[in-house]
């Protein structure tokens, strides 16, 4: 029976032989009865049909068994692949754990370095603060807000930052943004002129006698401008521009005297600074009591000229610091 369960074809053959034997026994003559030839043929056909059906079922079972064996083999391969993948993942996990540990050590090292740098920086700041607060008051008395405290300043019109007084240079930018044409002691004081022509206008104050108040010398320009404005002359006038003119938001400009214009010309024009043209510029000086004329200064030929106050000439303004 064990062999027949393992081999479907043996089982089929045994069943076939038993059926034939049964048929033979059935058709054997006996004293009790007899079977006809037709009935015997019919019985044989039924046996053959049963044999065919049994064989087909046997083939189907064989096919199903083969498929099952293939599936089992495929599952075995998949299990092997999965085991390999698990092993690779385990190795990757181990490596990642090592990387995390290394990163943690690196972060810890950076933190130690950062804390050390901070301590050093704090120490330097403390030392510097101690030095600053211990500076004697007598170093810069005009700049000291309290004993041991200095004022850090940014020099107007420049990028210079200093604990000391601002130092300016000839030809450099002045506190109001003009060009420095005259510099005083140690560069702390001087005069600046507007970097370009402000306007072209008449001198104005036609037929007004200033009685010799409009001087020509260096340093008289501001006083001359105040004298002209106090006359309250009507109409357009050169000095009138000073009341409203601002450079970078800063006012306080005046019309220079004739010899201040000469200094401007000699200090800057020869250096190629200021974009001065070859024309004449109005000064705030008149020609000594004449109520018709005032002085211009010729930048091309370097001398003063008496012009009618109604004539148009360029204007540059000056400010002291």
Protein backbone atom coordinates (compact mmCIF):
# COMPACT_ATOMS: atom_id res chain seq x y z
CA UNK A 1 0.00 0.00 0.00
CA UNK A 2 2.90 2.38 0.73
CA UNK A 3 4.29 1.96 -2.82
CA UNK A 4 0.88 2.49 -4.39
CA UNK A 5 0.48 5.85 -2.60
CA UNK A 6 3.85 6.96 -3.93
CA UNK A 7 3.15 5.86 -7.61
CA UNK A 8 -0.24 6.84 -9.08
CA UNK A 9 0.38 4.75 -12.24
CA UNK A 10 0.75 1.50 -10.24
CA UNK A 11 -2.49 2.30 -8.45
CA UNK A 12 -4.22 2.84 -11.77
CA UNK A 13 -2.89 -0.44 -13.18
CA UNK A 14 -4.02 -2.37 -10.11
CA UNK A 15 -7.50 -0.85 -10.32
CA UNK A 16 -7.67 -1.67 -14.04
CA UNK A 17 -6.70 -5.30 -13.53
CA UNK A 18 -9.16 -5.73 -10.68
CA UNK A 19 -11.95 -4.32 -12.83
CA UNK A 20 -11.15 -6.72 -15.64
CA UNK A 21 -11.07 -9.56 -13.14
CA UNK A 22 -14.40 -8.45 -11.81
CA UNK A 23 -15.80 -8.34 -15.32
CA UNK A 24 -14.46 -11.83 -16.04
CA UNK A 25 -15.97 -13.21 -12.88
CA UNK A 26 -19.23 -11.55 -13.67
CA UNK A 27 -19.46 -12.99 -17.16
CA UNK A 28 -18.31 -16.50 -16.21
CA UNK A 29 -21.08 -19.03 -16.85
CA UNK A 30 -22.82 -20.38 -13.84
CA UNK A 31 -25.56 -22.63 -13.19
CA UNK A 32 -27.70 -19.83 -11.79
CA UNK A 33 -27.68 -17.32 -14.73
CA UNK A 34 -25.94 -16.09 -17.93
CA UNK A 35 -25.08 -12.49 -19.32
CA UNK A 36 -25.59 -11.34 -22.83
CA UNK A 37 -22.82 -10.20 -25.14
CA UNK A 38 -24.28 -6.69 -25.37
CA UNK A 39 -24.28 -6.25 -21.61
CA UNK A 40 -20.69 -7.44 -21.46
CA UNK A 41 -19.54 -4.94 -24.09
CA UNK A 42 -21.29 -2.14 -22.27
CA UNK A 43 -19.60 -3.10 -19.05
CA UNK A 44 -16.20 -3.17 -20.74
CA UNK A 45 -16.74 0.36 -22.13
CA UNK A 46 -17.60 1.63 -18.67
CA UNK A 47 -14.44 0.09 -17.29
CA UNK A 48 -12.32 1.73 -20.03
CA UNK A 49 -13.96 5.11 -19.42
CA UNK A 50 -13.21 4.79 -15.74
CA UNK A 51 -9.60 3.97 -16.62
CA UNK A 52 -9.25 7.16 -18.73
CA UNK A 53 -10.73 9.37 -15.99
CA UNK A 54 -8.46 7.82 -13.41
CA UNK A 55 -5.42 8.42 -15.61
CA UNK A 56 -6.36 12.10 -16.15
CA UNK A 57 -6.77 12.65 -12.43
CA UNK A 58 -3.43 10.99 -11.89
CA UNK A 59 -1.73 13.35 -14.42
CA UNK A 60 -3.35 16.39 -12.76
CA UNK A 61 -2.12 15.30 -9.35
CA UNK A 62 1.39 14.85 -10.75
CA UNK A 63 1.32 18.42 -12.16
CA UNK A 64 0.13 19.85 -8.83
CA UNK A 65 2.85 17.97 -6.98
CA UNK A 66 5.52 19.40 -9.35
CA UNK A 67 4.20 22.93 -8.86
CA UNK A 68 4.24 22.48 -5.11
CA UNK A 69 7.85 21.29 -5.23
CA UNK A 70 8.81 24.34 -7.37
CA UNK A 71 7.13 26.67 -4.88
CA UNK A 72 8.98 25.03 -2.03
CA UNK A 73 12.32 25.50 -3.83
CA UNK A 74 11.48 29.15 -4.59
CA UNK A 75 10.59 29.78 -0.95
CA UNK A 76 13.88 28.24 0.11
CA UNK A 77 15.76 30.66 -2.21
CA UNK A 78 13.78 33.62 -0.87
CA UNK A 79 14.53 32.60 2.69
CA UNK A 80 18.24 32.44 1.82
CA UNK A 81 18.12 35.89 0.18
CA UNK A 82 16.29 37.33 3.20
CA UNK A 83 18.89 35.91 5.54
CA UNK A 84 21.63 37.57 3.46
CA UNK A 85 19.74 40.90 3.51
CA UNK A 86 19.33 40.67 7.29
CA UNK A 87 23.05 40.08 7.65
CA UNK A 88 23.88 43.12 5.47
CA UNK A 89 21.44 45.27 7.47
CA UNK A 90 22.98 44.08 10.73
CA UNK A 91 26.47 45.05 9.51
CA UNK A 92 25.16 48.46 8.34
CA UNK A 93 23.50 48.99 11.71
CA UNK A 94 26.73 48.15 13.49
CA UNK A 95 28.64 50.64 11.29
CA UNK A 96 26.01 53.35 11.89
CA UNK A 97 26.30 52.82 15.62
CA UNK A 98 30.06 53.31 15.31
CA UNK A 99 29.57 56.50 13.25
CA UNK A 100 27.14 57.88 15.83
CA UNK A 101 29.59 57.20 18.60
CA UNK A 102 32.38 58.93 16.65
CA UNK A 103 30.11 61.94 15.95
CA UNK A 104 29.23 62.19 19.62
CA UNK A 105 32.91 62.24 20.54
CA UNK A 106 33.57 64.91 17.88
CA UNK A 107 30.73 67.10 19.19
CA UNK A 108 32.04 66.72 22.71
CA UNK A 109 35.51 67.76 21.54
CA UNK A 110 34.11 70.80 19.74
CA UNK A 111 32.17 71.81 22.83
CA UNK A 112 35.31 71.62 24.95
CA UNK A 113 37.20 73.73 22.37
CA UNK A 114 34.32 76.24 22.18
CA UNK A 115 34.18 76.61 25.95
CA UNK A 116 37.94 77.07 26.07
CA UNK A 117 37.85 79.74 23.34
CA UNK A 118 35.04 81.56 25.11
CA UNK A 119 37.00 81.62 28.34
CA UNK A 120 40.03 82.99 26.51
CA UNK A 121 37.96 85.66 24.74
CA UNK A 122 36.25 86.70 27.96
CA UNK A 123 39.65 86.96 29.56
CA UNK A 124 40.95 89.20 26.77
CA UNK A 125 37.87 91.45 26.94
CA UNK A 126 38.22 91.74 30.71
CA UNK A 127 41.91 92.60 30.39
CA UNK A 128 41.18 95.19 27.68
CA UNK A 129 38.36 96.72 29.75
CA UNK A 130 40.65 96.98 32.74
CA UNK A 131 43.27 98.76 30.64
CA UNK A 132 40.75 101.22 29.17
CA UNK A 133 39.16 102.09 32.50
CA UNK A 134 42.61 102.71 34.02
CA UNK A 135 43.66 105.30 31.42
CA UNK A 136 44.40 108.56 33.15
CA UNK A 137 41.99 111.44 32.68
CA UNK A 138 44.81 113.77 31.62
CA UNK A 139 45.38 111.94 28.30
CA UNK A 140 42.37 113.47 26.52
CA UNK A 141 40.59 115.71 29.00
CA UNK A 142 38.21 117.20 26.41
CA UNK A 143 37.10 113.71 25.35
CA UNK A 144 36.62 112.17 28.78
CA UNK A 145 33.02 111.69 29.90
CA UNK A 146 34.13 110.41 33.33
CA UNK A 147 37.37 109.44 34.98
CA UNK A 148 38.90 106.53 33.09
CA UNK A 149 36.27 106.52 30.30
CA UNK A 150 37.05 107.54 26.70
CA UNK A 151 34.68 108.40 23.86
CA UNK A 152 35.09 106.47 20.63
CA UNK A 153 34.16 108.70 17.68
CA UNK A 154 33.64 108.32 13.96
CA UNK A 155 35.13 111.26 12.08
CA UNK A 156 32.39 113.03 10.13
CA UNK A 157 32.56 112.67 6.36
CA UNK A 158 35.07 109.79 6.57
CA UNK A 159 35.30 106.12 7.58
CA UNK A 160 37.87 106.97 10.27
CA UNK A 161 37.11 105.77 13.82
CA UNK A 162 39.39 106.98 16.60
CA UNK A 163 39.77 107.39 20.35
CA UNK A 164 41.62 110.61 19.64
CA UNK A 165 40.75 113.77 17.75
CA UNK A 166 39.90 113.37 14.07
CA UNK A 167 42.79 114.12 11.73
CA UNK A 168 42.05 115.42 8.23
CA UNK A 169 44.32 115.80 5.20
CA UNK A 170 44.62 118.37 2.43
CA UNK A 171 42.58 117.21 -0.56
CA UNK A 172 40.64 114.73 1.57
CA UNK A 173 36.97 114.71 2.47
CA UNK A 174 35.87 117.15 5.12
CA UNK A 175 33.35 116.67 7.97
CA UNK A 176 30.49 117.94 5.80
CA UNK A 177 31.54 116.09 2.65
CA UNK A 178 33.43 118.90 0.96
CA UNK A 179 37.07 118.90 -0.22
CA UNK A 180 39.63 120.16 2.30
CA UNK A 181 41.67 123.03 0.82
CA UNK A 182 43.16 124.42 4.03
CA UNK A 183 44.36 122.44 7.03
CA UNK A 184 45.33 123.74 10.46
CA UNK A 185 47.42 122.49 13.36
CA UNK A 186 47.90 118.69 13.36
CA UNK A 187 45.03 118.28 10.90
CA UNK A 188 42.30 118.84 13.49
CA UNK A 189 40.94 122.07 11.98
CA UNK A 190 40.64 123.58 8.52
CA UNK A 191 38.28 124.60 5.72
CA UNK A 192 36.42 122.65 3.03
CA UNK A 193 34.83 123.70 -0.25
CA UNK A 194 31.83 122.17 -2.01
CA UNK A 195 32.95 119.36 -4.36
CA UNK A 196 31.17 120.94 -7.34
CA UNK A 197 29.65 124.23 -8.49
CA UNK A 198 26.54 125.02 -6.47
CA UNK A 199 24.87 127.42 -8.91
CA UNK A 200 25.50 130.10 -11.53
CA UNK A 201 24.04 133.44 -10.42
CA UNK A 202 24.66 137.23 -10.24
CA UNK A 203 26.37 138.78 -7.22
CA UNK A 204 23.18 140.81 -6.54
CA UNK A 205 22.74 143.83 -4.25
CA UNK A 206 22.80 146.19 -7.23
CA UNK A 207 23.66 149.82 -6.32
CA UNK A 208 24.11 148.88 -2.65
CA UNK A 209 27.16 150.49 -1.03
CA UNK A 210 28.88 148.25 1.53
CA UNK A 211 31.23 151.05 2.60
CA UNK A 212 34.32 148.90 2.48
CA UNK A 213 32.94 146.17 4.79
CA UNK A 214 33.51 143.35 2.25
CA UNK A 215 37.14 142.45 2.79
CA UNK A 216 39.52 140.53 0.55
CA UNK A 217 41.84 138.79 3.01
CA UNK A 218 41.87 135.10 3.99
CA UNK A 219 39.37 134.41 6.76
CA UNK A 220 36.99 137.25 5.89
CA UNK A 221 34.56 135.22 3.77
CA UNK A 222 32.15 134.33 6.58
CA UNK A 223 31.94 137.89 7.89
CA UNK A 224 31.47 139.22 4.33
CA UNK A 225 28.59 136.79 3.80
CA UNK A 226 26.90 137.91 7.02
CA UNK A 227 27.25 141.58 5.96
CA UNK A 228 25.67 140.90 2.55
CA UNK A 229 22.76 138.95 4.06
CA UNK A 230 22.13 141.66 6.66
CA UNK A 231 21.65 144.20 3.84
CA UNK A 232 18.57 142.17 2.84
CA UNK A 233 19.10 142.86 -0.83
CA UNK A 234 16.17 141.96 -3.09
CA UNK A 235 16.40 139.65 -6.10
CA UNK A 236 18.79 136.83 -6.81
CA UNK A 237 22.19 137.09 -5.15
CA UNK A 238 25.24 134.84 -4.73
CA UNK A 239 25.38 135.05 -0.92
CA UNK A 240 21.68 134.21 -0.67
CA UNK A 241 22.43 130.61 -1.69
CA UNK A 242 24.14 130.03 1.66
CA UNK A 243 20.89 130.36 3.63
CA UNK A 244 19.33 127.23 2.13
CA UNK A 245 22.23 125.18 0.80
CA UNK A 246 23.00 121.86 2.53
CA UNK A 247 25.51 119.17 1.66
CA UNK A 248 24.52 115.73 2.99
CA UNK A 249 22.01 117.47 5.22
CA UNK A 250 24.49 119.92 6.71
CA UNK A 251 24.33 123.69 6.36
CA UNK A 252 26.58 126.45 7.67
CA UNK A 253 28.29 127.44 4.40
CA UNK A 254 29.47 130.87 3.26
CA UNK A 255 30.68 132.67 0.13
CA UNK A 256 34.51 132.79 0.22
CA UNK A 257 36.53 135.97 -0.05
CA UNK A 258 38.58 136.61 -3.18
CA UNK A 259 41.87 135.43 -1.62
CA UNK A 260 40.20 132.37 -0.12
CA UNK A 261 39.25 131.49 -3.70
CA UNK A 262 42.90 131.84 -4.67
CA UNK A 263 43.90 129.35 -1.95
CA UNK A 264 41.22 126.94 -3.21
CA UNK A 265 42.52 127.27 -6.76
CA UNK A 266 46.16 126.78 -5.88
CA UNK A 267 45.58 123.93 -3.42
CA UNK A 268 43.11 121.82 -5.38
CA UNK A 269 42.86 122.74 -9.05
CA UNK A 270 46.56 122.11 -9.64
CA UNK A 271 46.08 118.61 -8.12
CA UNK A 272 43.17 117.87 -10.42
CA UNK A 273 40.65 117.92 -7.55
CA UNK A 274 37.26 119.61 -7.37
CA UNK A 275 36.28 119.58 -11.07
CA UNK A 276 36.90 123.30 -11.36
CA UNK A 277 36.32 124.87 -14.76
CA UNK A 278 38.40 127.63 -16.36
CA UNK A 279 35.77 130.26 -15.64
CA UNK A 280 35.49 132.87 -12.91
CA UNK A 281 33.93 132.35 -9.47
CA UNK A 282 32.12 134.99 -7.43
CA UNK A 283 33.79 136.03 -4.18
CA UNK A 284 32.17 137.86 -1.24
CA UNK A 285 34.62 140.79 -1.69
CA UNK A 286 33.84 144.08 -3.45
CA UNK A 287 36.32 146.50 -4.98
CA UNK A 288 36.51 148.99 -2.14
CA UNK A 289 33.31 150.97 -1.83
CA UNK A 290 32.10 150.76 -5.44
CA UNK A 291 28.36 150.04 -5.44
CA UNK A 292 28.37 148.60 -8.96
CA UNK A 293 31.09 145.94 -9.01
CA UNK A 294 32.39 143.02 -6.93
CA UNK A 295 35.35 140.67 -7.33
CA UNK A 296 35.46 137.36 -9.14
CA UNK A 297 38.51 135.13 -9.22
CA UNK A 298 39.73 133.78 -12.54
CA UNK A 299 40.78 130.13 -11.98
CA UNK A 300 42.43 129.88 -15.37
CA UNK A 301 44.69 132.93 -15.06
CA UNK A 302 44.92 133.02 -11.24
CA UNK A 303 43.91 136.62 -10.52
CA UNK A 304 40.93 138.68 -9.33
CA UNK A 305 38.66 140.68 -11.65
CA UNK A 306 36.12 143.41 -10.84
CA UNK A 307 32.80 142.49 -12.50
CA UNK A 308 29.40 144.11 -12.58
CA UNK A 309 27.21 142.61 -9.87
CA UNK A 310 24.53 141.68 -12.40
CA UNK A 311 26.81 139.37 -14.41
CA UNK A 312 26.47 135.59 -14.05
CA UNK A 313 29.34 133.51 -12.66
CA UNK A 314 29.81 130.13 -10.93
CA UNK A 315 29.61 129.82 -7.16
CA UNK A 316 31.46 127.57 -4.70
CA UNK A 317 30.71 127.68 -0.96
CA UNK A 318 33.06 127.12 1.98
CA UNK A 319 32.71 125.80 5.54
CA UNK A 320 35.22 125.78 8.41
CA UNK A 321 35.77 122.94 10.91
